[in-house]
Amino acid sequence: MQSMRHVVPCVIASAALLAPAVQASTLSVRVTGSDGKPVADAVVSLDPASGQAPAPRMQGKYEVTQKDTMFHPFVTVVPIGATVSFPNLDPFRHHVYSFSPTKRFELKLFAKDQTRSITFDKAGIVAVGCNIHDSMSAFIYVTDSVWTVRTDASGNAVIRDVPAQAMKLTVWHPYLSAPGNQIAEMLPASAADRARTMSIKLRPSPMNHMSSY
């Protein structure tokens, strides 16, 4: 029995050394329109083919400003539970609201240098408008996946620390001409650590699209 106690730990140690390590990699996605031009403000997200993606962490402050009768940024990605502030930098009042099922809210008239805040506790898309200035619009993408990135002005999104497993890649944009304003494709585990290009068809920017959300 004394010798058995020495043999078993050695077998376990050998098995651990032989087990393949789980490698994390980087996936670069470039989103273009049907004309080949880069698409900014598209949201690229990964979800495991089986199981649940890790929840994203809070990182700093989340803010959608009102300046020059516009919302900045146009698209904001936040994790579930994030509180977003809406500072008014214009010399006149705004009335910010959303009818979106993900988060209905109303921030009644507030003036220059005043701020209002809302906490987003459900994953989904929130269309934001101003009850005074109909041309103002923005979108808040509330995500439950840590692998969610907005494309930059060059249409690029870089997703890091992606495990080597099959994933569903989703691209969303408020003007994407597809059901739910998104397209998706399955990526095999071998697709990790590669650059990919996704081509999407965009609708013309509508004047008032709040009813779509």
N, C-alpha and C. Protein backbone atom coordinates (compact mmCIF):
# COMPACT_ATOMS: atom_id res chain seq x y z
N MET A 1 0.82 -1.21 0.00
CA MET A 1 0.00 0.00 0.00
C MET A 1 0.86 1.26 0.00
N GLN A 2 2.03 1.17 0.62
CA GLN A 2 2.90 2.34 0.66
C GLN A 2 3.30 2.78 -0.73
N SER A 3 3.64 1.77 -1.62
CA SER A 3 4.06 2.12 -2.98
C SER A 3 2.92 2.71 -3.79
N MET A 4 1.65 2.25 -3.55
CA MET A 4 0.50 2.77 -4.29
C MET A 4 0.31 4.26 -4.05
N ARG A 5 0.59 4.71 -2.85
CA ARG A 5 0.40 6.11 -2.54
C ARG A 5 1.36 7.00 -3.32
N HIS A 6 2.49 6.44 -3.76
CA HIS A 6 3.46 7.20 -4.54
C HIS A 6 3.15 7.13 -6.03
N VAL A 7 2.54 6.03 -6.49
CA VAL A 7 2.30 5.84 -7.91
C VAL A 7 1.16 6.73 -8.40
N VAL A 8 0.06 6.80 -7.65
CA VAL A 8 -1.13 7.51 -8.10
C VAL A 8 -0.86 8.99 -8.39
N PRO A 9 -0.19 9.74 -7.47
CA PRO A 9 0.09 11.15 -7.79
C PRO A 9 0.92 11.32 -9.05
N CYS A 10 1.82 10.38 -9.32
CA CYS A 10 2.66 10.48 -10.52
C CYS A 10 1.82 10.33 -11.78
N VAL A 11 0.83 9.44 -11.76
CA VAL A 11 -0.03 9.24 -12.91
C VAL A 11 -0.86 10.50 -13.17
N ILE A 12 -1.40 11.09 -12.12
CA ILE A 12 -2.20 12.30 -12.27
C ILE A 12 -1.37 13.44 -12.83
N ALA A 13 -0.15 13.59 -12.32
CA ALA A 13 0.73 14.65 -12.80
C ALA A 13 1.05 14.48 -14.26
N SER A 14 1.28 13.22 -14.70
CA SER A 14 1.60 12.96 -16.10
C SER A 14 0.42 13.31 -16.99
N ALA A 15 -0.82 12.99 -16.53
CA ALA A 15 -2.00 13.29 -17.32
C ALA A 15 -2.18 14.79 -17.49
N ALA A 16 -1.89 15.52 -16.42
CA ALA A 16 -2.03 16.97 -16.50
C ALA A 16 -1.04 17.57 -17.48
N LEU A 17 0.16 17.00 -17.54
CA LEU A 17 1.16 17.51 -18.47
C LEU A 17 0.78 17.23 -19.91
N LEU A 18 0.07 16.10 -20.12
CA LEU A 18 -0.30 15.73 -21.48
C LEU A 18 -1.56 16.44 -21.96
N ALA A 19 -2.38 17.00 -21.05
CA ALA A 19 -3.62 17.65 -21.45
C ALA A 19 -3.32 18.91 -22.25
N PRO A 20 -4.05 19.14 -23.34
CA PRO A 20 -3.80 20.34 -24.16
C PRO A 20 -4.19 21.61 -23.41
N ALA A 21 -3.39 22.64 -23.55
CA ALA A 21 -3.69 23.91 -22.91
C ALA A 21 -4.72 24.67 -23.73
N VAL A 22 -5.61 25.37 -23.06
CA VAL A 22 -6.61 26.17 -23.74
C VAL A 22 -5.97 27.49 -24.15
N GLN A 23 -5.92 27.73 -25.44
CA GLN A 23 -5.26 28.91 -25.96
C GLN A 23 -6.27 30.03 -26.22
N ALA A 24 -5.96 31.22 -25.77
CA ALA A 24 -6.79 32.39 -26.08
C ALA A 24 -6.12 33.15 -27.20
N SER A 25 -6.92 33.71 -28.09
CA SER A 25 -6.36 34.39 -29.26
C SER A 25 -7.11 35.68 -29.52
N THR A 26 -6.74 36.33 -30.61
CA THR A 26 -7.33 37.61 -30.99
C THR A 26 -8.02 37.47 -32.34
N LEU A 27 -9.24 37.98 -32.42
CA LEU A 27 -9.99 37.96 -33.67
C LEU A 27 -10.19 39.40 -34.15
N SER A 28 -9.72 39.69 -35.35
CA SER A 28 -9.89 41.02 -35.93
C SER A 28 -10.97 40.96 -37.01
N VAL A 29 -11.96 41.82 -36.88
CA VAL A 29 -13.08 41.84 -37.83
C VAL A 29 -13.16 43.23 -38.45
N ARG A 30 -13.26 43.27 -39.76
CA ARG A 30 -13.46 44.53 -40.49
C ARG A 30 -14.84 44.49 -41.12
N VAL A 31 -15.64 45.51 -40.84
CA VAL A 31 -17.00 45.57 -41.37
C VAL A 31 -17.06 46.61 -42.48
N THR A 32 -17.55 46.20 -43.64
CA THR A 32 -17.67 47.10 -44.78
C THR A 32 -19.11 47.10 -45.29
N GLY A 33 -19.46 48.17 -46.00
CA GLY A 33 -20.77 48.23 -46.65
C GLY A 33 -20.72 47.51 -47.98
N SER A 34 -21.86 47.46 -48.65
CA SER A 34 -21.91 46.79 -49.95
C SER A 34 -21.08 47.53 -50.99
N ASP A 35 -20.73 48.79 -50.70
CA ASP A 35 -19.86 49.56 -51.59
C ASP A 35 -18.38 49.38 -51.26
N GLY A 36 -18.09 48.55 -50.26
CA GLY A 36 -16.70 48.29 -49.89
C GLY A 36 -16.12 49.28 -48.91
N LYS A 37 -16.88 50.33 -48.58
CA LYS A 37 -16.37 51.34 -47.65
C LYS A 37 -16.53 50.86 -46.20
N PRO A 38 -15.64 51.30 -45.30
CA PRO A 38 -15.72 50.85 -43.91
C PRO A 38 -16.99 51.36 -43.23
N VAL A 39 -17.50 50.56 -42.31
CA VAL A 39 -18.70 50.93 -41.56
C VAL A 39 -18.32 51.14 -40.10
N ALA A 40 -18.44 52.36 -39.65
CA ALA A 40 -18.20 52.67 -38.24
C ALA A 40 -19.48 52.41 -37.44
N ASP A 41 -19.34 52.27 -36.13
CA ASP A 41 -20.46 52.13 -35.20
C ASP A 41 -21.25 50.84 -35.40
N ALA A 42 -20.65 49.84 -36.03
CA ALA A 42 -21.24 48.51 -36.03
C ALA A 42 -20.77 47.81 -34.75
N VAL A 43 -21.61 46.94 -34.20
CA VAL A 43 -21.24 46.22 -32.98
C VAL A 43 -20.98 44.76 -33.35
N VAL A 44 -19.77 44.30 -33.06
CA VAL A 44 -19.36 42.93 -33.34
C VAL A 44 -19.32 42.17 -32.02
N SER A 45 -20.00 41.03 -31.99
CA SER A 45 -20.10 40.28 -30.74
C SER A 45 -19.89 38.79 -30.99
N LEU A 46 -19.28 38.12 -30.01
CA LEU A 46 -19.08 36.68 -30.06
C LEU A 46 -19.82 36.01 -28.91
N ASP A 47 -20.44 34.87 -29.23
CA ASP A 47 -21.08 34.02 -28.21
C ASP A 47 -20.69 32.57 -28.48
N PRO A 48 -20.34 31.82 -27.43
CA PRO A 48 -19.98 30.42 -27.64
C PRO A 48 -21.12 29.63 -28.27
N ALA A 49 -20.77 28.67 -29.14
CA ALA A 49 -21.78 27.81 -29.74
C ALA A 49 -22.51 27.00 -28.67
N SER A 50 -21.80 26.71 -27.59
CA SER A 50 -22.41 26.02 -26.44
C SER A 50 -21.96 26.73 -25.17
N GLY A 51 -22.89 26.92 -24.26
CA GLY A 51 -22.54 27.61 -23.02
C GLY A 51 -22.78 29.10 -23.11
N GLN A 52 -22.35 29.80 -22.09
CA GLN A 52 -22.58 31.22 -21.96
C GLN A 52 -21.26 31.99 -21.99
N ALA A 53 -21.24 33.12 -22.64
CA ALA A 53 -20.05 33.97 -22.66
C ALA A 53 -19.83 34.59 -21.28
N PRO A 54 -18.59 34.82 -20.89
CA PRO A 54 -18.34 35.52 -19.63
C PRO A 54 -18.97 36.91 -19.66
N ALA A 55 -19.45 37.33 -18.50
CA ALA A 55 -20.06 38.66 -18.42
C ALA A 55 -18.98 39.74 -18.49
N PRO A 56 -19.26 40.83 -19.17
CA PRO A 56 -18.27 41.93 -19.24
C PRO A 56 -18.17 42.66 -17.92
N ARG A 57 -17.02 43.27 -17.69
CA ARG A 57 -16.79 44.04 -16.48
C ARG A 57 -17.07 45.52 -16.72
N MET A 58 -17.40 46.21 -15.65
CA MET A 58 -17.54 47.66 -15.73
C MET A 58 -16.15 48.27 -15.93
N GLN A 59 -16.04 49.23 -16.84
CA GLN A 59 -14.76 49.88 -17.10
C GLN A 59 -14.96 51.39 -17.20
N GLY A 60 -14.66 52.08 -16.14
CA GLY A 60 -14.74 53.53 -16.15
C GLY A 60 -16.16 54.04 -16.21
N LYS A 61 -16.31 55.26 -16.72
CA LYS A 61 -17.61 55.90 -16.81
C LYS A 61 -18.20 55.71 -18.21
N TYR A 62 -19.52 55.65 -18.28
CA TYR A 62 -20.23 55.54 -19.56
C TYR A 62 -21.05 56.82 -19.73
N GLU A 63 -20.90 57.44 -20.89
CA GLU A 63 -21.46 58.77 -21.07
C GLU A 63 -21.94 58.97 -22.50
N VAL A 64 -23.11 59.57 -22.64
CA VAL A 64 -23.63 60.00 -23.94
C VAL A 64 -23.92 61.49 -23.81
N THR A 65 -23.10 62.30 -24.44
CA THR A 65 -23.26 63.74 -24.31
C THR A 65 -24.20 64.30 -25.38
N GLN A 66 -24.74 65.47 -25.07
CA GLN A 66 -25.56 66.21 -26.02
C GLN A 66 -24.83 67.50 -26.35
N LYS A 67 -24.40 67.60 -27.60
CA LYS A 67 -23.63 68.77 -28.03
C LYS A 67 -23.91 69.03 -29.50
N ASP A 68 -24.09 70.29 -29.85
CA ASP A 68 -24.39 70.69 -31.24
C ASP A 68 -25.63 69.97 -31.77
N THR A 69 -26.61 69.80 -30.89
CA THR A 69 -27.88 69.14 -31.21
C THR A 69 -27.64 67.73 -31.76
N MET A 70 -26.70 67.03 -31.17
CA MET A 70 -26.39 65.65 -31.51
C MET A 70 -26.02 64.89 -30.24
N PHE A 71 -26.22 63.57 -30.30
CA PHE A 71 -25.72 62.70 -29.24
C PHE A 71 -24.32 62.21 -29.63
N HIS A 72 -23.44 62.14 -28.66
CA HIS A 72 -22.08 61.63 -28.87
C HIS A 72 -21.73 60.63 -27.76
N PRO A 73 -21.33 59.40 -28.12
CA PRO A 73 -21.25 58.84 -29.47
C PRO A 73 -22.63 58.42 -30.00
N PHE A 74 -22.66 58.11 -31.28
CA PHE A 74 -23.90 57.65 -31.90
C PHE A 74 -24.28 56.27 -31.38
N VAL A 75 -23.30 55.39 -31.22
CA VAL A 75 -23.52 54.05 -30.67
C VAL A 75 -22.60 53.85 -29.47
N THR A 76 -23.15 53.40 -28.37
CA THR A 76 -22.38 53.13 -27.15
C THR A 76 -22.60 51.69 -26.73
N VAL A 77 -21.52 50.98 -26.43
CA VAL A 77 -21.60 49.61 -25.93
C VAL A 77 -21.35 49.62 -24.43
N VAL A 78 -22.28 49.06 -23.66
CA VAL A 78 -22.13 49.01 -22.21
C VAL A 78 -22.48 47.62 -21.71
N PRO A 79 -21.90 47.19 -20.58
CA PRO A 79 -22.27 45.91 -19.98
C PRO A 79 -23.58 46.03 -19.20
N ILE A 80 -24.24 44.90 -19.00
CA ILE A 80 -25.45 44.89 -18.17
C ILE A 80 -25.11 45.47 -16.80
N GLY A 81 -25.99 46.31 -16.30
CA GLY A 81 -25.78 46.92 -14.99
C GLY A 81 -25.07 48.26 -15.04
N ALA A 82 -24.66 48.69 -16.23
CA ALA A 82 -23.93 49.96 -16.35
C ALA A 82 -24.87 51.14 -16.17
N THR A 83 -24.36 52.18 -15.54
CA THR A 83 -25.08 53.44 -15.43
C THR A 83 -24.49 54.42 -16.43
N VAL A 84 -25.34 54.96 -17.28
CA VAL A 84 -24.91 55.89 -18.33
C VAL A 84 -25.39 57.30 -17.97
N SER A 85 -24.49 58.25 -18.02
CA SER A 85 -24.86 59.64 -17.77
C SER A 85 -25.09 60.36 -19.10
N PHE A 86 -25.97 61.36 -19.07
CA PHE A 86 -26.34 62.11 -20.26
C PHE A 86 -26.13 63.61 -19.99
N PRO A 87 -24.89 64.08 -20.02
CA PRO A 87 -24.64 65.50 -19.77
C PRO A 87 -25.07 66.37 -20.96
N ASN A 88 -25.66 67.49 -20.67
CA ASN A 88 -26.09 68.44 -21.69
C ASN A 88 -25.03 69.53 -21.83
N LEU A 89 -24.37 69.59 -22.97
CA LEU A 89 -23.36 70.61 -23.24
C LEU A 89 -23.86 71.70 -24.18
N ASP A 90 -25.13 71.61 -24.56
CA ASP A 90 -25.72 72.62 -25.44
C ASP A 90 -26.25 73.80 -24.61
N PRO A 91 -26.34 75.00 -25.23
CA PRO A 91 -26.85 76.17 -24.50
C PRO A 91 -28.37 76.22 -24.44
N PHE A 92 -29.01 75.06 -24.60
CA PHE A 92 -30.47 74.99 -24.51
C PHE A 92 -30.84 73.64 -23.91
N ARG A 93 -32.09 73.44 -23.61
CA ARG A 93 -32.53 72.26 -22.89
C ARG A 93 -32.81 71.08 -23.82
N HIS A 94 -32.64 69.86 -23.25
CA HIS A 94 -33.00 68.63 -23.95
C HIS A 94 -33.95 67.81 -23.09
N HIS A 95 -34.65 66.91 -23.76
CA HIS A 95 -35.60 66.01 -23.09
C HIS A 95 -35.34 64.61 -23.67
N VAL A 96 -34.49 63.85 -23.00
CA VAL A 96 -34.00 62.57 -23.53
C VAL A 96 -34.95 61.44 -23.12
N TYR A 97 -35.21 60.53 -24.06
CA TYR A 97 -36.15 59.45 -23.75
C TYR A 97 -35.87 58.21 -24.62
N SER A 98 -36.52 57.10 -24.24
CA SER A 98 -36.51 55.89 -25.06
C SER A 98 -37.79 55.11 -24.83
N PHE A 99 -38.36 54.58 -25.91
CA PHE A 99 -39.52 53.69 -25.84
C PHE A 99 -39.11 52.23 -26.00
N SER A 100 -37.82 51.95 -26.02
CA SER A 100 -37.33 50.59 -26.29
C SER A 100 -37.73 49.62 -25.18
N PRO A 101 -38.17 48.41 -25.54
CA PRO A 101 -38.53 47.42 -24.52
C PRO A 101 -37.36 47.08 -23.59
N THR A 102 -36.15 47.15 -24.10
CA THR A 102 -34.98 46.86 -23.26
C THR A 102 -34.90 47.81 -22.08
N LYS A 103 -35.21 49.08 -22.31
CA LYS A 103 -35.20 50.08 -21.23
C LYS A 103 -36.00 51.30 -21.65
N ARG A 104 -37.19 51.43 -21.07
CA ARG A 104 -38.00 52.62 -21.29
C ARG A 104 -37.63 53.65 -20.23
N PHE A 105 -37.39 54.88 -20.65
CA PHE A 105 -37.08 55.93 -19.67
C PHE A 105 -37.38 57.30 -20.25
N GLU A 106 -37.40 58.28 -19.37
CA GLU A 106 -37.63 59.67 -19.77
C GLU A 106 -36.85 60.58 -18.83
N LEU A 107 -35.98 61.38 -19.42
CA LEU A 107 -35.21 62.38 -18.66
C LEU A 107 -35.75 63.74 -19.07
N LYS A 108 -36.63 64.26 -18.25
CA LYS A 108 -37.33 65.49 -18.62
C LYS A 108 -36.39 66.68 -18.67
N LEU A 109 -36.88 67.74 -19.22
CA LEU A 109 -36.09 68.92 -19.55
C LEU A 109 -34.96 69.23 -18.57
N PHE A 110 -33.74 69.25 -19.10
CA PHE A 110 -32.59 69.68 -18.29
C PHE A 110 -31.67 70.54 -19.15
N ALA A 111 -31.03 71.51 -18.49
CA ALA A 111 -30.34 72.59 -19.20
C ALA A 111 -28.83 72.34 -19.31
N LYS A 112 -28.15 73.32 -19.88
CA LYS A 112 -26.70 73.26 -20.09
C LYS A 112 -25.99 72.97 -18.77
N ASP A 113 -24.99 72.06 -18.88
CA ASP A 113 -24.14 71.65 -17.76
C ASP A 113 -24.88 70.83 -16.70
N GLN A 114 -26.10 70.43 -17.00
CA GLN A 114 -26.81 69.50 -16.12
C GLN A 114 -26.69 68.09 -16.68
N THR A 115 -26.76 67.11 -15.78
CA THR A 115 -26.60 65.71 -16.17
C THR A 115 -27.70 64.86 -15.55
N ARG A 116 -28.16 63.88 -16.31
CA ARG A 116 -29.09 62.88 -15.80
C ARG A 116 -28.50 61.51 -16.09
N SER A 117 -28.88 60.50 -15.32
CA SER A 117 -28.29 59.16 -15.48
C SER A 117 -29.37 58.09 -15.47
N ILE A 118 -29.07 56.98 -16.18
CA ILE A 118 -29.96 55.82 -16.24
C ILE A 118 -29.12 54.56 -16.12
N THR A 119 -29.61 53.56 -15.37
CA THR A 119 -28.94 52.27 -15.25
C THR A 119 -29.63 51.26 -16.17
N PHE A 120 -28.83 50.53 -16.94
CA PHE A 120 -29.35 49.57 -17.92
C PHE A 120 -29.11 48.15 -17.40
N ASP A 121 -30.20 47.48 -17.02
CA ASP A 121 -30.11 46.19 -16.33
C ASP A 121 -30.59 45.01 -17.16
N LYS A 122 -30.70 45.20 -18.47
CA LYS A 122 -31.17 44.13 -19.35
C LYS A 122 -30.43 44.21 -20.67
N ALA A 123 -30.02 43.07 -21.19
CA ALA A 123 -29.30 43.05 -22.47
C ALA A 123 -30.26 43.37 -23.62
N GLY A 124 -29.76 44.12 -24.59
CA GLY A 124 -30.58 44.47 -25.74
C GLY A 124 -30.19 45.82 -26.32
N ILE A 125 -31.00 46.32 -27.23
CA ILE A 125 -30.73 47.58 -27.91
C ILE A 125 -31.68 48.65 -27.40
N VAL A 126 -31.13 49.80 -27.12
CA VAL A 126 -31.94 50.93 -26.64
C VAL A 126 -31.74 52.10 -27.61
N ALA A 127 -32.82 52.50 -28.28
CA ALA A 127 -32.79 53.68 -29.15
C ALA A 127 -33.12 54.90 -28.31
N VAL A 128 -32.31 55.93 -28.45
CA VAL A 128 -32.44 57.14 -27.63
C VAL A 128 -32.76 58.32 -28.53
N GLY A 129 -33.70 59.16 -28.09
CA GLY A 129 -34.05 60.35 -28.85
C GLY A 129 -34.25 61.55 -27.93
N CYS A 130 -34.51 62.69 -28.54
CA CYS A 130 -34.81 63.91 -27.80
C CYS A 130 -36.22 64.35 -28.17
N ASN A 131 -37.03 64.60 -27.17
CA ASN A 131 -38.43 64.95 -27.39
C ASN A 131 -38.60 66.35 -27.96
N ILE A 132 -37.53 67.14 -27.96
CA ILE A 132 -37.58 68.49 -28.49
C ILE A 132 -36.96 68.57 -29.88
N HIS A 133 -35.87 67.81 -30.07
CA HIS A 133 -35.13 67.84 -31.35
C HIS A 133 -35.24 66.46 -32.00
N ASP A 134 -36.16 66.33 -32.95
CA ASP A 134 -36.44 65.03 -33.56
C ASP A 134 -35.27 64.46 -34.35
N SER A 135 -34.35 65.30 -34.78
CA SER A 135 -33.22 64.82 -35.57
C SER A 135 -32.17 64.12 -34.72
N MET A 136 -32.24 64.26 -33.42
CA MET A 136 -31.24 63.65 -32.53
C MET A 136 -31.56 62.18 -32.29
N SER A 137 -30.56 61.33 -32.45
CA SER A 137 -30.74 59.91 -32.19
C SER A 137 -29.42 59.27 -31.78
N ALA A 138 -29.51 58.22 -30.98
CA ALA A 138 -28.35 57.46 -30.56
C ALA A 138 -28.82 56.07 -30.16
N PHE A 139 -27.86 55.16 -30.01
CA PHE A 139 -28.19 53.80 -29.63
C PHE A 139 -27.25 53.32 -28.54
N ILE A 140 -27.82 52.62 -27.57
CA ILE A 140 -27.03 52.00 -26.51
C ILE A 140 -27.19 50.49 -26.63
N TYR A 141 -26.06 49.82 -26.83
CA TYR A 141 -26.03 48.36 -26.99
C TYR A 141 -25.63 47.77 -25.64
N VAL A 142 -26.59 47.18 -24.95
CA VAL A 142 -26.34 46.61 -23.63
C VAL A 142 -26.01 45.13 -23.82
N THR A 143 -24.80 44.73 -23.45
CA THR A 143 -24.34 43.38 -23.76
C THR A 143 -24.09 42.52 -22.52
N ASP A 144 -24.28 41.22 -22.69
CA ASP A 144 -23.94 40.26 -21.63
C ASP A 144 -22.75 39.39 -22.04
N SER A 145 -22.06 39.77 -23.12
CA SER A 145 -20.88 39.04 -23.59
C SER A 145 -19.64 39.92 -23.50
N VAL A 146 -18.60 39.39 -22.88
CA VAL A 146 -17.36 40.16 -22.77
C VAL A 146 -16.72 40.41 -24.13
N TRP A 147 -17.07 39.59 -25.11
CA TRP A 147 -16.50 39.74 -26.45
C TRP A 147 -17.43 40.59 -27.32
N THR A 148 -17.57 41.85 -26.99
CA THR A 148 -18.43 42.77 -27.73
C THR A 148 -17.66 44.07 -27.95
N VAL A 149 -17.50 44.46 -29.23
CA VAL A 149 -16.69 45.63 -29.58
C VAL A 149 -17.38 46.42 -30.67
N ARG A 150 -17.30 47.74 -30.59
CA ARG A 150 -17.83 48.63 -31.63
C ARG A 150 -16.74 48.92 -32.65
N THR A 151 -17.09 48.96 -33.93
CA THR A 151 -16.10 49.25 -34.95
C THR A 151 -15.71 50.73 -34.91
N ASP A 152 -14.45 50.99 -35.26
CA ASP A 152 -13.95 52.36 -35.29
C ASP A 152 -14.24 52.99 -36.65
N ALA A 153 -13.67 54.17 -36.90
CA ALA A 153 -13.93 54.88 -38.15
C ALA A 153 -13.45 54.10 -39.37
N SER A 154 -12.50 53.19 -39.17
CA SER A 154 -11.99 52.37 -40.27
C SER A 154 -12.75 51.06 -40.41
N GLY A 155 -13.82 50.88 -39.62
CA GLY A 155 -14.62 49.67 -39.71
C GLY A 155 -14.01 48.48 -39.00
N ASN A 156 -13.01 48.71 -38.14
CA ASN A 156 -12.30 47.61 -37.50
C ASN A 156 -12.75 47.39 -36.05
N ALA A 157 -12.83 46.13 -35.68
CA ALA A 157 -13.11 45.73 -34.31
C ALA A 157 -12.14 44.61 -33.94
N VAL A 158 -11.48 44.74 -32.81
CA VAL A 158 -10.51 43.74 -32.35
C VAL A 158 -11.03 43.12 -31.06
N ILE A 159 -11.23 41.81 -31.09
CA ILE A 159 -11.74 41.09 -29.92
C ILE A 159 -10.62 40.20 -29.39
N ARG A 160 -10.22 40.44 -28.16
CA ARG A 160 -9.09 39.72 -27.56
C ARG A 160 -9.55 38.63 -26.60
N ASP A 161 -8.61 37.75 -26.28
CA ASP A 161 -8.83 36.68 -25.29
C ASP A 161 -9.99 35.77 -25.69
N VAL A 162 -10.02 35.40 -26.97
CA VAL A 162 -11.06 34.51 -27.48
C VAL A 162 -10.59 33.06 -27.34
N PRO A 163 -11.33 32.22 -26.64
CA PRO A 163 -10.92 30.82 -26.50
C PRO A 163 -11.06 30.06 -27.81
N ALA A 164 -10.29 28.99 -27.94
CA ALA A 164 -10.31 28.18 -29.16
C ALA A 164 -11.51 27.24 -29.12
N GLN A 165 -12.66 27.77 -29.47
CA GLN A 165 -13.88 26.98 -29.53
C GLN A 165 -14.82 27.61 -30.55
N ALA A 166 -15.82 26.84 -30.99
CA ALA A 166 -16.76 27.35 -31.98
C ALA A 166 -17.54 28.52 -31.40
N MET A 167 -17.72 29.55 -32.21
CA MET A 167 -18.38 30.78 -31.77
C MET A 167 -19.39 31.25 -32.81
N LYS A 168 -20.42 31.97 -32.33
CA LYS A 168 -21.32 32.67 -33.23
C LYS A 168 -20.88 34.13 -33.29
N LEU A 169 -20.59 34.60 -34.50
CA LEU A 169 -20.18 35.98 -34.72
C LEU A 169 -21.39 36.78 -35.20
N THR A 170 -21.72 37.83 -34.47
CA THR A 170 -22.88 38.66 -34.82
C THR A 170 -22.41 40.08 -35.11
N VAL A 171 -22.94 40.66 -36.17
CA VAL A 171 -22.68 42.06 -36.50
C VAL A 171 -24.01 42.80 -36.50
N TRP A 172 -24.09 43.86 -35.71
CA TRP A 172 -25.31 44.66 -35.61
C TRP A 172 -25.00 46.11 -35.97
N HIS A 173 -25.94 46.74 -36.64
CA HIS A 173 -25.85 48.18 -36.91
C HIS A 173 -27.29 48.68 -37.01
N PRO A 174 -27.58 49.89 -36.50
CA PRO A 174 -28.97 50.36 -36.52
C PRO A 174 -29.58 50.46 -37.90
N TYR A 175 -28.76 50.58 -38.95
CA TYR A 175 -29.29 50.70 -40.31
C TYR A 175 -29.02 49.46 -41.16
N LEU A 176 -28.61 48.37 -40.53
CA LEU A 176 -28.32 47.14 -41.28
C LEU A 176 -29.62 46.56 -41.83
N SER A 177 -29.63 46.29 -43.12
CA SER A 177 -30.83 45.79 -43.78
C SER A 177 -30.94 44.28 -43.62
N ALA A 178 -31.46 43.86 -42.46
CA ALA A 178 -31.64 42.44 -42.14
C ALA A 178 -32.55 42.37 -40.91
N PRO A 179 -33.20 41.23 -40.70
CA PRO A 179 -34.05 41.10 -39.50
C PRO A 179 -33.26 41.39 -38.23
N GLY A 180 -33.83 42.22 -37.37
CA GLY A 180 -33.16 42.58 -36.14
C GLY A 180 -31.95 43.46 -36.33
N ASN A 181 -31.77 43.98 -37.55
CA ASN A 181 -30.62 44.84 -37.87
C ASN A 181 -29.28 44.14 -37.61
N GLN A 182 -29.24 42.83 -37.85
CA GLN A 182 -28.00 42.10 -37.59
C GLN A 182 -27.87 40.90 -38.51
N ILE A 183 -26.63 40.46 -38.68
CA ILE A 183 -26.34 39.21 -39.38
C ILE A 183 -25.42 38.40 -38.49
N ALA A 184 -25.41 37.09 -38.71
CA ALA A 184 -24.59 36.22 -37.87
C ALA A 184 -24.05 35.06 -38.70
N GLU A 185 -22.91 34.55 -38.27
CA GLU A 185 -22.36 33.34 -38.88
C GLU A 185 -21.60 32.56 -37.81
N MET A 186 -21.49 31.26 -38.04
CA MET A 186 -20.77 30.41 -37.10
C MET A 186 -19.29 30.35 -37.47
N LEU A 187 -18.44 30.47 -36.48
CA LEU A 187 -17.00 30.38 -36.68
C LEU A 187 -16.48 29.12 -36.01
N PRO A 188 -15.75 28.27 -36.75
CA PRO A 188 -15.13 27.11 -36.11
C PRO A 188 -13.99 27.54 -35.20
N ALA A 189 -13.58 26.65 -34.33
CA ALA A 189 -12.49 26.98 -33.40
C ALA A 189 -11.23 27.39 -34.16
N SER A 190 -11.03 26.85 -35.34
CA SER A 190 -9.83 27.16 -36.12
C SER A 190 -9.82 28.57 -36.66
N ALA A 191 -10.96 29.30 -36.56
CA ALA A 191 -11.03 30.65 -37.10
C ALA A 191 -10.44 31.69 -36.17
N ALA A 192 -10.12 31.28 -34.96
CA ALA A 192 -9.56 32.23 -33.99
C ALA A 192 -8.20 32.73 -34.47
N ASP A 193 -7.83 33.91 -34.00
CA ASP A 193 -6.54 34.52 -34.33
C ASP A 193 -6.41 34.80 -35.82
N ARG A 194 -7.51 35.16 -36.45
CA ARG A 194 -7.49 35.49 -37.87
C ARG A 194 -8.19 36.81 -38.10
N ALA A 195 -7.92 37.42 -39.25
CA ALA A 195 -8.62 38.63 -39.66
C ALA A 195 -9.77 38.24 -40.58
N ARG A 196 -10.95 38.81 -40.32
CA ARG A 196 -12.11 38.50 -41.13
C ARG A 196 -12.75 39.80 -41.61
N THR A 197 -13.42 39.73 -42.76
CA THR A 197 -14.16 40.87 -43.28
C THR A 197 -15.62 40.48 -43.42
N MET A 198 -16.50 41.33 -42.87
CA MET A 198 -17.94 41.09 -42.96
C MET A 198 -18.54 42.23 -43.78
N SER A 199 -19.25 41.88 -44.85
CA SER A 199 -19.88 42.88 -45.70
C SER A 199 -21.37 42.94 -45.35
N ILE A 200 -21.87 44.16 -45.11
CA ILE A 200 -23.27 44.33 -44.75
C ILE A 200 -23.93 45.35 -45.67
N LYS A 201 -25.25 45.24 -45.80
CA LYS A 201 -26.02 46.19 -46.59
C LYS A 201 -26.73 47.14 -45.65
N LEU A 202 -26.55 48.43 -45.84
CA LEU A 202 -27.14 49.42 -44.97
C LEU A 202 -28.32 50.12 -45.65
N ARG A 203 -29.36 50.39 -44.84
CA ARG A 203 -30.46 51.21 -45.31
C ARG A 203 -30.08 52.68 -45.19
N PRO A 204 -30.74 53.57 -45.93
CA PRO A 204 -30.51 55.00 -45.72
C PRO A 204 -30.89 55.39 -44.29
N SER A 205 -30.20 56.36 -43.76
CA SER A 205 -30.48 56.81 -42.40
C SER A 205 -31.86 57.46 -42.35
N PRO A 206 -32.78 56.91 -41.54
CA PRO A 206 -34.12 57.51 -41.45
C PRO A 206 -34.10 58.75 -40.57
N MET A 207 -35.08 59.60 -40.74
CA MET A 207 -35.18 60.82 -39.95
C MET A 207 -35.58 60.49 -38.51
N ASN A 208 -36.56 59.58 -38.38
CA ASN A 208 -37.04 59.22 -37.04
C ASN A 208 -37.32 57.72 -37.03
N HIS A 209 -36.51 56.97 -36.30
CA HIS A 209 -36.61 55.51 -36.31
C HIS A 209 -36.92 54.96 -34.92
N MET A 210 -37.36 55.79 -33.99
CA MET A 210 -37.59 55.34 -32.63
C MET A 210 -38.61 54.21 -32.56
N SER A 211 -39.60 54.19 -33.44
CA SER A 211 -40.63 53.16 -33.38
C SER A 211 -40.11 51.79 -33.72
N SER A 212 -38.92 51.69 -34.34
CA SER A 212 -38.33 50.40 -34.71
C SER A 212 -37.73 49.68 -33.52
N TYR A 213 -37.62 50.36 -32.38
CA TYR A 213 -37.00 49.79 -31.22
C TYR A 213 -37.91 49.88 -29.99
